[in-house]
Amino acid sequence: MHSEPPTKTHREPHRDLHDDVHDSAAELRTALQDHGITLPSLGVDLPGFAGAYGVPLVALGNCNAATARRLADALRKAAPR
């Protein structure tokens, strides 16, 4: 039997999650850079793909105290009043 390749409307579920988590991490990285903030460890948490019910996660990683303050300040400024 010949099967057709997946399309945008019918893709493998794990591929959609894979794309989404990578896209989300890239969007967050760009948004942080717009505020002069870099989280060097920001990326995809690969163990999140493991197991039958694995949910891919964006790993924010570690940052120093100055970066944490800049991130908190940017979030405060962006929050609705």
C-alpha atoms as a PDB file:
ATOM      1  CA  MET A   1       0.000   0.000   0.000  1.00  0.00           C
ATOM      2  CA  HIS A   2       1.297   3.483  -0.883  1.00  0.00           C
ATOM      3  CA  SER A   3       0.833   6.232   1.699  1.00  0.00           C
ATOM      4  CA  GLU A   4       0.996   9.966   1.115  1.00  0.00           C
ATOM      5  CA  PRO A   5       3.448  12.161   3.016  1.00  0.00           C
ATOM      6  CA  PRO A   6       2.000  14.135   5.942  1.00  0.00           C
ATOM      7  CA  THR A   7       0.525  17.537   5.121  1.00  0.00           C
ATOM      8  CA  LYS A   8      -0.037  20.545   7.329  1.00  0.00           C
ATOM      9  CA  THR A   9      -3.561  19.365   8.075  1.00  0.00           C
ATOM     10  CA  HIS A  10      -2.478  15.771   8.724  1.00  0.00           C
ATOM     11  CA  ARG A  11       0.911  15.568  10.391  1.00  0.00           C
ATOM     12  CA  GLU A  12       2.338  13.215  12.910  1.00  0.00           C
ATOM     13  CA  PRO A  13       1.344  14.484  16.396  1.00  0.00           C
ATOM     14  CA  HIS A  14       4.881  14.285  17.806  1.00  0.00           C
ATOM     15  CA  ARG A  15       6.160  16.384  14.893  1.00  0.00           C
ATOM     16  CA  ASP A  16       3.685  19.168  15.696  1.00  0.00           C
ATOM     17  CA  LEU A  17       4.804  19.188  19.336  1.00  0.00           C
ATOM     18  CA  HIS A  18       8.437  19.119  18.229  1.00  0.00           C
ATOM     19  CA  ASP A  19       7.964  22.099  15.918  1.00  0.00           C
ATOM     20  CA  ASP A  20       5.904  24.007  18.475  1.00  0.00           C
ATOM     21  CA  VAL A  21       8.381  23.707  21.325  1.00  0.00           C
ATOM     22  CA  HIS A  22      11.323  24.684  19.114  1.00  0.00           C
ATOM     23  CA  ASP A  23       9.385  27.615  17.639  1.00  0.00           C
ATOM     24  CA  SER A  24       8.306  28.740  21.121  1.00  0.00           C
ATOM     25  CA  ALA A  25      11.888  28.670  22.411  1.00  0.00           C
ATOM     26  CA  ALA A  26      13.062  30.690  19.398  1.00  0.00           C
ATOM     27  CA  GLU A  27      10.268  33.252  19.870  1.00  0.00           C
ATOM     28  CA  LEU A  28      11.115  33.624  23.553  1.00  0.00           C
ATOM     29  CA  ARG A  29      14.827  33.987  22.781  1.00  0.00           C
ATOM     30  CA  THR A  30      14.051  36.755  20.259  1.00  0.00           C
ATOM     31  CA  ALA A  31      11.649  38.562  22.602  1.00  0.00           C
ATOM     32  CA  LEU A  32      14.226  38.502  25.389  1.00  0.00           C
ATOM     33  CA  GLN A  33      16.915  39.797  23.023  1.00  0.00           C
ATOM     34  CA  ASP A  34      14.584  42.699  22.133  1.00  0.00           C
ATOM     35  CA  HIS A  35      14.954  43.706  25.790  1.00  0.00           C
ATOM     36  CA  GLY A  36      18.708  43.113  25.868  1.00  0.00           C
ATOM     37  CA  ILE A  37      18.310  39.884  27.847  1.00  0.00           C
ATOM     38  CA  THR A  38      20.103  36.632  27.036  1.00  0.00           C
ATOM     39  CA  LEU A  39      19.433  33.352  28.794  1.00  0.00           C
ATOM     40  CA  PRO A  40      22.390  31.246  27.617  1.00  0.00           C
ATOM     41  CA  SER A  41      20.778  27.960  28.657  1.00  0.00           C
ATOM     42  CA  LEU A  42      17.404  28.620  27.004  1.00  0.00           C
ATOM     43  CA  GLY A  43      16.462  25.681  24.815  1.00  0.00           C
ATOM     44  CA  VAL A  44      14.309  22.597  24.508  1.00  0.00           C
ATOM     45  CA  ASP A  45      14.188  20.135  27.414  1.00  0.00           C
ATOM     46  CA  LEU A  46      14.823  16.881  25.554  1.00  0.00           C
ATOM     47  CA  PRO A  47      13.634  14.519  28.343  1.00  0.00           C
ATOM     48  CA  GLY A  48      10.193  16.091  27.877  1.00  0.00           C
ATOM     49  CA  PHE A  49       9.868  14.086  24.658  1.00  0.00           C
ATOM     50  CA  ALA A  50      10.351  10.775  26.480  1.00  0.00           C
ATOM     51  CA  GLY A  51       7.579   8.436  27.522  1.00  0.00           C
ATOM     52  CA  ALA A  52       4.068   7.841  26.289  1.00  0.00           C
ATOM     53  CA  TYR A  53       2.734  11.078  27.776  1.00  0.00           C
ATOM     54  CA  GLY A  54       5.795  13.248  27.295  1.00  0.00           C
ATOM     55  CA  VAL A  55       5.105  16.937  26.894  1.00  0.00           C
ATOM     56  CA  PRO A  56       7.974  18.908  25.355  1.00  0.00           C
ATOM     57  CA  LEU A  57       9.106  21.759  27.561  1.00  0.00           C
ATOM     58  CA  VAL A  58      11.099  24.922  26.970  1.00  0.00           C
ATOM     59  CA  ALA A  59      14.010  24.937  29.415  1.00  0.00           C
ATOM     60  CA  LEU A  60      14.745  28.445  30.618  1.00  0.00           C
ATOM     61  CA  GLY A  61      17.984  27.366  32.230  1.00  0.00           C
ATOM     62  CA  ASN A  62      20.106  29.409  34.569  1.00  0.00           C
ATOM     63  CA  CYS A  63      21.053  33.056  34.649  1.00  0.00           C
ATOM     64  CA  ASN A  64      23.007  35.360  36.901  1.00  0.00           C
ATOM     65  CA  ALA A  65      21.396  37.803  39.358  1.00  0.00           C
ATOM     66  CA  ALA A  66      21.775  40.802  37.032  1.00  0.00           C
ATOM     67  CA  THR A  67      19.981  38.982  34.198  1.00  0.00           C
ATOM     68  CA  ALA A  68      17.215  37.877  36.577  1.00  0.00           C
ATOM     69  CA  ARG A  69      16.688  41.512  37.615  1.00  0.00           C
ATOM     70  CA  ARG A  70      16.571  42.680  33.991  1.00  0.00           C
ATOM     71  CA  LEU A  71      14.039  39.969  33.171  1.00  0.00           C
ATOM     72  CA  ALA A  72      11.891  40.902  36.186  1.00  0.00           C
ATOM     73  CA  ASP A  73      12.072  44.588  35.215  1.00  0.00           C
ATOM     74  CA  ALA A  74      11.049  43.865  31.606  1.00  0.00           C
ATOM     75  CA  LEU A  75       8.106  41.752  32.786  1.00  0.00           C
ATOM     76  CA  ARG A  76       6.971  44.459  35.235  1.00  0.00           C
ATOM     77  CA  LYS A  77       7.076  47.106  32.493  1.00  0.00           C
ATOM     78  CA  ALA A  78       5.109  44.875  30.113  1.00  0.00           C
ATOM     79  CA  ALA A  79       2.419  43.938  32.650  1.00  0.00           C
ATOM     80  CA  PRO A  80      -0.940  45.674  32.246  1.00  0.00           C
ATOM     81  CA  ARG A  81      -1.670  48.174  34.962  1.00  0.00           C
END
